[in-house]
């Protein structure tokens, strides 16, 4: 009887890679790094109040150059006006991340953020 080989567990990220790639592709993201690294790309101050929902690419017209896409951001509450004023900075940072003029404008959707780092409340002092 032969001895079984060592058991090698694969990381969950490798097993679910295709699932996540398909899900992000349906939202217009060619790569999921825009979502997963949003804090680094937009900056922590901006990323605390908004997150990318999807990228909408215009239909290509034969014989015309490809027009830039629209980045749809989910913005939390009253910060929508601040994010709108920071749109030039956000567009510059996103395009710098892509390395070309991929995104030409932002669209804002006001809604609560889906992922939120909860701040742990300090405990009350012991009696």
C-alpha atoms as a PDB file:
ATOM      1  CA  UNK A   1       0.000   0.000   0.000  1.00  0.00           C
ATOM      2  CA  UNK A   2       1.430   3.375  -0.962  1.00  0.00           C
ATOM      3  CA  UNK A   3       1.807   6.153   1.517  1.00  0.00           C
ATOM      4  CA  UNK A   4      -0.349   9.228   0.811  1.00  0.00           C
ATOM      5  CA  UNK A   5       1.518  12.432  -0.007  1.00  0.00           C
ATOM      6  CA  UNK A   6       1.521  15.509   2.143  1.00  0.00           C
ATOM      7  CA  UNK A   7      -1.702  17.448   2.320  1.00  0.00           C
ATOM      8  CA  UNK A   8      -1.317  20.913   0.908  1.00  0.00           C
ATOM      9  CA  UNK A   9      -4.064  23.394   1.623  1.00  0.00           C
ATOM     10  CA  UNK A  10      -4.623  26.108  -0.953  1.00  0.00           C
ATOM     11  CA  UNK A  11      -5.314  29.640   0.216  1.00  0.00           C
ATOM     12  CA  UNK A  12      -8.930  30.690  -0.024  1.00  0.00           C
ATOM     13  CA  UNK A  13      -7.987  33.635  -2.234  1.00  0.00           C
ATOM     14  CA  UNK A  14      -6.703  31.257  -4.912  1.00  0.00           C
ATOM     15  CA  UNK A  15      -9.798  29.082  -4.760  1.00  0.00           C
ATOM     16  CA  UNK A  16     -12.184  32.041  -5.036  1.00  0.00           C
ATOM     17  CA  UNK A  17     -10.117  34.055  -7.512  1.00  0.00           C
ATOM     18  CA  UNK A  18     -12.278  33.150 -10.512  1.00  0.00           C
ATOM     19  CA  UNK A  19     -15.488  33.915  -8.616  1.00  0.00           C
ATOM     20  CA  UNK A  20     -14.294  37.377  -7.625  1.00  0.00           C
ATOM     21  CA  UNK A  21     -12.872  38.108 -11.064  1.00  0.00           C
ATOM     22  CA  UNK A  22     -16.236  37.368 -12.689  1.00  0.00           C
ATOM     23  CA  UNK A  23     -18.134  39.436 -10.115  1.00  0.00           C
ATOM     24  CA  UNK A  24     -15.862  42.467 -10.582  1.00  0.00           C
ATOM     25  CA  UNK A  25     -15.960  42.107 -14.382  1.00  0.00           C
ATOM     26  CA  UNK A  26     -19.761  42.360 -14.307  1.00  0.00           C
ATOM     27  CA  UNK A  27     -19.390  45.744 -12.577  1.00  0.00           C
ATOM     28  CA  UNK A  28     -16.958  46.993 -15.232  1.00  0.00           C
ATOM     29  CA  UNK A  29     -13.769  46.525 -13.222  1.00  0.00           C
ATOM     30  CA  UNK A  30     -11.003  45.007 -15.334  1.00  0.00           C
ATOM     31  CA  UNK A  31      -9.020  44.393 -12.174  1.00  0.00           C
ATOM     32  CA  UNK A  32     -10.237  44.184  -8.614  1.00  0.00           C
ATOM     33  CA  UNK A  33      -7.346  46.289  -7.316  1.00  0.00           C
ATOM     34  CA  UNK A  34      -9.361  49.484  -7.725  1.00  0.00           C
ATOM     35  CA  UNK A  35     -11.796  48.174  -5.110  1.00  0.00           C
ATOM     36  CA  UNK A  36      -9.369  46.350  -2.834  1.00  0.00           C
ATOM     37  CA  UNK A  37      -6.780  49.148  -2.822  1.00  0.00           C
ATOM     38  CA  UNK A  38      -9.220  52.066  -2.835  1.00  0.00           C
ATOM     39  CA  UNK A  39      -7.755  53.529   0.374  1.00  0.00           C
ATOM     40  CA  UNK A  40      -4.285  53.710  -1.187  1.00  0.00           C
ATOM     41  CA  UNK A  41      -5.528  55.069  -4.518  1.00  0.00           C
ATOM     42  CA  UNK A  42      -7.961  57.751  -3.354  1.00  0.00           C
ATOM     43  CA  UNK A  43      -6.291  58.509  -0.046  1.00  0.00           C
ATOM     44  CA  UNK A  44      -7.501  57.544   3.406  1.00  0.00           C
ATOM     45  CA  UNK A  45      -9.414  60.782   3.949  1.00  0.00           C
ATOM     46  CA  UNK A  46     -11.483  60.385   0.770  1.00  0.00           C
ATOM     47  CA  UNK A  47     -11.826  56.605   1.052  1.00  0.00           C
ATOM     48  CA  UNK A  48     -13.330  56.926   4.523  1.00  0.00           C
ATOM     49  CA  UNK A  49     -16.516  58.369   2.997  1.00  0.00           C
ATOM     50  CA  UNK A  50     -16.806  56.777  -0.447  1.00  0.00           C
ATOM     51  CA  UNK A  51     -16.181  53.545  -2.352  1.00  0.00           C
ATOM     52  CA  UNK A  52     -16.275  52.555  -6.022  1.00  0.00           C
ATOM     53  CA  UNK A  53     -19.453  50.805  -7.156  1.00  0.00           C
ATOM     54  CA  UNK A  54     -18.733  50.226 -10.822  1.00  0.00           C
ATOM     55  CA  UNK A  55     -17.118  51.594 -13.937  1.00  0.00           C
ATOM     56  CA  UNK A  56     -19.408  52.316 -16.877  1.00  0.00           C
ATOM     57  CA  UNK A  57     -17.659  52.076 -20.235  1.00  0.00           C
ATOM     58  CA  UNK A  58     -19.312  53.796 -23.213  1.00  0.00           C
ATOM     59  CA  UNK A  59     -20.012  51.683 -26.260  1.00  0.00           C
ATOM     60  CA  UNK A  60     -17.188  51.936 -28.769  1.00  0.00           C
ATOM     61  CA  UNK A  61     -17.998  53.657 -32.043  1.00  0.00           C
ATOM     62  CA  UNK A  62     -16.232  52.242 -35.064  1.00  0.00           C
ATOM     63  CA  UNK A  63     -13.620  54.624 -36.380  1.00  0.00           C
ATOM     64  CA  UNK A  64     -13.694  56.797 -33.238  1.00  0.00           C
ATOM     65  CA  UNK A  65     -11.224  56.746 -30.353  1.00  0.00           C
ATOM     66  CA  UNK A  66     -12.431  55.079 -27.150  1.00  0.00           C
ATOM     67  CA  UNK A  67     -14.057  57.585 -24.805  1.00  0.00           C
ATOM     68  CA  UNK A  68     -13.113  57.504 -21.114  1.00  0.00           C
ATOM     69  CA  UNK A  69     -15.310  55.642 -18.646  1.00  0.00           C
ATOM     70  CA  UNK A  70     -17.487  56.913 -15.814  1.00  0.00           C
ATOM     71  CA  UNK A  71     -16.601  55.847 -12.264  1.00  0.00           C
ATOM     72  CA  UNK A  72     -19.672  55.422 -10.062  1.00  0.00           C
ATOM     73  CA  UNK A  73     -18.945  56.110  -6.389  1.00  0.00           C
ATOM     74  CA  UNK A  74     -21.106  55.284  -3.390  1.00  0.00           C
ATOM     75  CA  UNK A  75     -20.813  58.230  -1.005  1.00  0.00           C
ATOM     76  CA  UNK A  76     -21.960  58.381   2.561  1.00  0.00           C
ATOM     77  CA  UNK A  77     -24.497  61.039   3.478  1.00  0.00           C
ATOM     78  CA  UNK A  78     -23.535  64.681   3.609  1.00  0.00           C
ATOM     79  CA  UNK A  79     -20.008  64.022   2.323  1.00  0.00           C
ATOM     80  CA  UNK A  80     -21.331  63.877  -1.248  1.00  0.00           C
ATOM     81  CA  UNK A  81     -20.758  67.597  -1.735  1.00  0.00           C
ATOM     82  CA  UNK A  82     -17.178  67.328  -0.449  1.00  0.00           C
ATOM     83  CA  UNK A  83     -16.481  64.343  -2.708  1.00  0.00           C
ATOM     84  CA  UNK A  84     -17.966  66.236  -5.661  1.00  0.00           C
ATOM     85  CA  UNK A  85     -15.570  69.112  -4.990  1.00  0.00           C
ATOM     86  CA  UNK A  86     -12.683  66.614  -4.794  1.00  0.00           C
ATOM     87  CA  UNK A  87     -13.637  64.921  -8.075  1.00  0.00           C
ATOM     88  CA  UNK A  88     -10.635  66.324  -9.991  1.00  0.00           C
ATOM     89  CA  UNK A  89      -8.248  64.911  -7.394  1.00  0.00           C
ATOM     90  CA  UNK A  90     -10.015  61.539  -7.390  1.00  0.00           C
ATOM     91  CA  UNK A  91      -9.969  61.324 -11.195  1.00  0.00           C
ATOM     92  CA  UNK A  92      -6.269  62.195 -11.287  1.00  0.00           C
ATOM     93  CA  UNK A  93      -5.423  59.526  -8.711  1.00  0.00           C
ATOM     94  CA  UNK A  94      -7.523  56.830 -10.396  1.00  0.00           C
ATOM     95  CA  UNK A  95      -6.023  57.573 -13.810  1.00  0.00           C
ATOM     96  CA  UNK A  96      -2.535  57.568 -12.322  1.00  0.00           C
ATOM     97  CA  UNK A  97      -3.292  54.134 -10.890  1.00  0.00           C
ATOM     98  CA  UNK A  98      -4.420  52.836 -14.305  1.00  0.00           C
ATOM     99  CA  UNK A  99      -1.532  54.530 -16.098  1.00  0.00           C
ATOM    100  CA  UNK A 100      -3.717  56.111 -18.767  1.00  0.00           C
ATOM    101  CA  UNK A 101      -6.773  58.362 -19.073  1.00  0.00           C
ATOM    102  CA  UNK A 102      -9.265  55.580 -18.340  1.00  0.00           C
ATOM    103  CA  UNK A 103     -11.854  57.509 -16.303  1.00  0.00           C
ATOM    104  CA  UNK A 104     -13.207  60.844 -17.481  1.00  0.00           C
ATOM    105  CA  UNK A 105     -15.931  61.629 -14.970  1.00  0.00           C
ATOM    106  CA  UNK A 106     -17.510  60.632 -11.661  1.00  0.00           C
ATOM    107  CA  UNK A 107     -21.085  59.840 -10.799  1.00  0.00           C
ATOM    108  CA  UNK A 108     -22.132  59.926  -7.163  1.00  0.00           C
ATOM    109  CA  UNK A 109     -24.716  57.674  -5.522  1.00  0.00           C
ATOM    110  CA  UNK A 110     -25.640  58.629  -1.970  1.00  0.00           C
ATOM    111  CA  UNK A 111     -25.984  55.543   0.204  1.00  0.00           C
ATOM    112  CA  UNK A 112     -24.425  54.004   3.309  1.00  0.00           C
ATOM    113  CA  UNK A 113     -21.085  52.343   2.663  1.00  0.00           C
ATOM    114  CA  UNK A 114     -21.150  48.565   2.405  1.00  0.00           C
ATOM    115  CA  UNK A 115     -17.826  48.058   4.153  1.00  0.00           C
ATOM    116  CA  UNK A 116     -17.045  50.088   7.187  1.00  0.00           C
ATOM    117  CA  UNK A 117     -14.229  49.736   9.670  1.00  0.00           C
ATOM    118  CA  UNK A 118     -15.960  49.852  12.980  1.00  0.00           C
ATOM    119  CA  UNK A 119     -14.158  51.780  15.655  1.00  0.00           C
ATOM    120  CA  UNK A 120     -14.032  49.822  18.887  1.00  0.00           C
ATOM    121  CA  UNK A 121     -15.594  51.773  21.701  1.00  0.00           C
ATOM    122  CA  UNK A 122     -13.426  52.194  24.742  1.00  0.00           C
ATOM    123  CA  UNK A 123     -14.568  50.065  27.634  1.00  0.00           C
ATOM    124  CA  UNK A 124     -16.004  51.605  30.716  1.00  0.00           C
ATOM    125  CA  UNK A 125     -13.613  51.552  33.655  1.00  0.00           C
ATOM    126  CA  UNK A 126     -13.923  48.652  36.059  1.00  0.00           C
ATOM    127  CA  UNK A 127     -15.789  49.324  39.222  1.00  0.00           C
END
